[in-house]
Amino acid sequence: MPSLLIDFFPLLLFFVALKVGDIFIATAVAIAASVVQFAYLYWRKKLGVIHWLSLAVIVIFGGLTIALHDETFIKWKPSVLYLVFALVLLVGKLVWRRDLLRYVMKGIELPDRVWNGLTWAWTGFFVFLAVLNWVVAFHLGLSTEAWGTFKVWGILIILLLFSLGQGLILARYLQRES
């Protein structure tokens, strides 16, 4: 199964379930899909820290959503996950003095200053996504379905554009170094 499909499997199933059901059904589907994704990646020996964190956050916030029948928790889930990612990068940089993206982007050789820039860019970007989700979820007066659509497609497009921008910067730099 293609890696990209595995990465977005729970998100896409969440979206479909939200369109045909409600937020509680969609949340249960997202939890189940995340467990299946985790098991598959474990079986393929491709499980990373990101997968552990993602599973923990969806189980906790999704579980609270279902148990308390309160959609607030699932709406917080993306912001919490993005802040955890930012915090991991920040702690790696400030406490361990490591650019943890080096481990995520194995096989790419870059000078320390470039890794430093990438780490700060991604840390800031994750904080931006967390705040953006919070604003859309709680401060624009959108329906839960509209928030869910933004969460899936809006955030995905923003993430892809940011990644493309980072890729273009790296490609230009790597061409100079070659």
Protein backbone atom coordinates (compact mmCIF):
# COMPACT_ATOMS: atom_id res chain seq x y z
CA MET A 1 0.00 0.00 0.00
CA PRO A 2 1.45 3.40 -0.93
CA SER A 3 2.94 5.31 1.99
CA LEU A 4 0.95 8.47 1.30
CA LEU A 5 -2.32 6.51 1.42
CA ILE A 6 -1.34 4.93 4.74
CA ASP A 7 -0.44 8.34 6.19
CA PHE A 8 -3.79 9.89 5.26
CA PHE A 9 -5.97 6.78 5.72
CA PRO A 10 -7.49 7.82 9.09
CA LEU A 11 -8.01 11.41 7.94
CA LEU A 12 -9.83 10.42 4.76
CA LEU A 13 -12.04 7.92 6.57
CA PHE A 14 -12.81 10.60 9.19
CA PHE A 15 -13.94 12.94 6.40
CA VAL A 16 -16.15 10.33 4.71
CA ALA A 17 -17.70 9.29 8.04
CA LEU A 18 -18.35 12.94 8.92
CA LYS A 19 -20.17 13.46 5.61
CA VAL A 20 -22.39 10.37 5.98
CA GLY A 21 -22.76 10.35 9.76
CA ASP A 22 -21.89 12.79 12.49
CA ILE A 23 -18.83 13.88 14.46
CA PHE A 24 -19.15 11.01 16.93
CA ILE A 25 -19.28 8.36 14.21
CA ALA A 26 -16.43 10.11 12.39
CA THR A 27 -14.38 10.17 15.59
CA ALA A 28 -14.93 6.45 16.21
CA VAL A 29 -13.94 5.73 12.61
CA ALA A 30 -10.80 7.88 12.98
CA ILE A 31 -9.79 6.02 16.14
CA ALA A 32 -10.36 2.61 14.52
CA ALA A 33 -8.54 3.66 11.33
CA SER A 34 -5.63 4.99 13.39
CA VAL A 35 -5.33 1.68 15.24
CA VAL A 36 -5.37 -0.19 11.91
CA GLN A 37 -2.76 2.21 10.51
CA PHE A 38 -0.58 1.76 13.60
CA ALA A 39 -0.85 -2.05 13.41
CA TYR A 40 0.00 -2.04 9.71
CA LEU A 41 3.04 0.19 10.22
CA TYR A 42 4.13 -1.93 13.18
CA TRP A 43 3.85 -5.06 11.04
CA ARG A 44 5.84 -3.37 8.21
CA LYS A 45 8.43 -2.14 10.76
CA LYS A 46 7.88 1.47 9.67
CA LEU A 47 6.49 2.82 12.91
CA GLY A 48 7.91 6.16 14.00
CA VAL A 49 7.56 8.52 16.93
CA ILE A 50 5.03 10.56 14.93
CA HIS A 51 2.76 7.51 14.70
CA TRP A 52 2.95 6.87 18.45
CA LEU A 53 2.12 10.51 19.20
CA SER A 54 -0.70 10.62 16.65
CA LEU A 55 -2.28 7.44 17.99
CA ALA A 56 -2.06 8.62 21.59
CA VAL A 57 -3.66 11.98 20.80
CA ILE A 58 -6.52 10.53 18.70
CA VAL A 59 -7.27 7.85 21.29
CA ILE A 60 -7.25 10.35 24.17
CA PHE A 61 -9.13 13.22 22.51
CA GLY A 62 -11.34 10.98 20.39
CA GLY A 63 -12.10 8.81 23.39
CA LEU A 64 -13.09 11.86 25.45
CA THR A 65 -15.27 13.08 22.58
CA ILE A 66 -17.17 9.80 22.45
CA ALA A 67 -17.28 9.12 26.20
CA LEU A 68 -18.47 12.61 27.12
CA HIS A 69 -20.44 13.13 23.89
CA ASP A 70 -18.69 16.48 23.46
CA GLU A 71 -17.18 17.44 20.11
CA THR A 72 -14.94 20.05 21.74
CA PHE A 73 -12.28 17.42 22.42
CA ILE A 74 -11.94 16.22 18.83
CA LYS A 75 -11.77 19.84 17.67
CA TRP A 76 -8.83 20.38 20.05
CA LYS A 77 -7.05 17.26 18.81
CA PRO A 78 -5.29 18.82 15.75
CA SER A 79 -4.09 21.83 17.76
CA VAL A 80 -2.75 19.60 20.52
CA LEU A 81 -1.01 17.30 18.03
CA TYR A 82 0.61 20.21 16.17
CA LEU A 83 1.75 21.74 19.46
CA VAL A 84 3.24 18.39 20.53
CA PHE A 85 5.16 18.23 17.23
CA ALA A 86 6.40 21.81 17.75
CA LEU A 87 7.36 21.03 21.33
CA VAL A 88 9.30 17.92 20.31
CA LEU A 89 11.28 19.96 17.77
CA LEU A 90 11.79 22.78 20.27
CA VAL A 91 12.98 20.49 23.08
CA GLY A 92 15.23 18.68 20.63
CA LYS A 93 16.77 21.98 19.60
CA LEU A 94 17.03 23.76 22.95
CA VAL A 95 17.55 20.90 25.40
CA TRP A 96 19.30 18.18 23.40
CA ARG A 97 20.90 20.63 20.93
CA ARG A 98 19.75 18.44 18.05
CA ASP A 99 17.82 19.17 14.90
CA LEU A 100 15.46 16.19 15.06
CA LEU A 101 14.44 16.66 11.45
CA ARG A 102 17.79 15.09 10.53
CA TYR A 103 16.39 11.80 11.81
CA VAL A 104 13.10 12.21 9.98
CA MET A 105 14.82 13.17 6.72
CA LYS A 106 17.44 10.43 6.74
CA GLY A 107 19.82 10.40 3.81
CA ILE A 108 19.84 14.15 3.21
CA GLU A 109 23.14 15.84 3.98
CA LEU A 110 22.89 19.50 4.86
CA PRO A 111 25.07 21.92 6.83
CA ASP A 112 24.07 22.64 10.41
CA ARG A 113 22.77 26.11 9.54
CA VAL A 114 20.29 24.63 7.05
CA TRP A 115 19.06 22.02 9.56
CA ASN A 116 18.75 24.84 12.09
CA GLY A 117 16.61 26.86 9.69
CA LEU A 118 14.42 23.85 8.88
CA THR A 119 13.88 23.08 12.54
CA TRP A 120 12.78 26.63 13.33
CA ALA A 121 10.61 26.84 10.20
CA TRP A 122 8.78 23.60 11.02
CA THR A 123 8.44 24.53 14.70
CA GLY A 124 6.85 27.83 13.75
CA PHE A 125 4.69 26.18 11.12
CA PHE A 126 3.30 23.66 13.61
CA VAL A 127 2.48 26.47 16.04
CA PHE A 128 0.77 28.33 13.18
CA LEU A 129 -1.32 25.23 12.32
CA ALA A 130 -2.29 24.79 15.97
CA VAL A 131 -3.49 28.38 16.25
CA LEU A 132 -5.22 28.23 12.87
CA ASN A 133 -7.16 25.10 13.84
CA TRP A 134 -8.13 26.72 17.17
CA VAL A 135 -9.42 29.84 15.39
CA VAL A 136 -11.37 27.87 12.78
CA ALA A 137 -12.77 25.39 15.31
CA PHE A 138 -13.83 27.83 18.01
CA HIS A 139 -13.89 31.42 16.79
CA LEU A 140 -15.42 31.61 13.31
CA GLY A 141 -18.85 30.22 14.12
CA LEU A 142 -18.52 27.40 11.58
CA SER A 143 -20.51 24.20 11.78
CA THR A 144 -18.73 21.05 12.90
CA GLU A 145 -18.97 19.71 9.35
CA ALA A 146 -17.36 22.90 7.97
CA TRP A 147 -14.59 22.63 10.56
CA GLY A 148 -14.09 18.96 9.62
CA THR A 149 -13.81 19.87 5.95
CA PHE A 150 -11.26 22.57 6.78
CA LYS A 151 -9.37 20.18 9.07
CA VAL A 152 -9.05 17.60 6.31
CA TRP A 153 -8.68 19.62 3.11
CA GLY A 154 -7.64 23.09 4.26
CA ILE A 155 -4.89 21.93 6.57
CA LEU A 156 -3.78 19.32 4.01
CA ILE A 157 -3.44 21.95 1.29
CA ILE A 158 -1.58 24.33 3.63
CA LEU A 159 0.72 21.48 4.70
CA LEU A 160 1.42 20.46 1.11
CA LEU A 161 2.15 24.06 0.09
CA PHE A 162 4.51 24.56 3.03
CA SER A 163 6.24 21.24 2.28
CA LEU A 164 6.56 22.17 -1.38
CA GLY A 165 8.10 25.51 -0.40
CA GLN A 166 10.55 23.77 1.90
CA GLY A 167 11.35 21.28 -0.87
CA LEU A 168 12.03 24.07 -3.35
CA ILE A 169 14.35 25.80 -0.90
CA LEU A 170 16.19 22.55 -0.20
CA ALA A 171 16.37 21.59 -3.88
CA ARG A 172 17.88 24.95 -4.76
CA TYR A 173 20.38 24.64 -1.95
CA LEU A 174 21.29 21.03 -2.73
CA GLN A 175 21.86 21.92 -6.39
CA ARG A 176 24.39 24.57 -5.32
CA GLU A 177 26.19 22.14 -3.04
CA SER A 178 26.43 19.36 -5.66
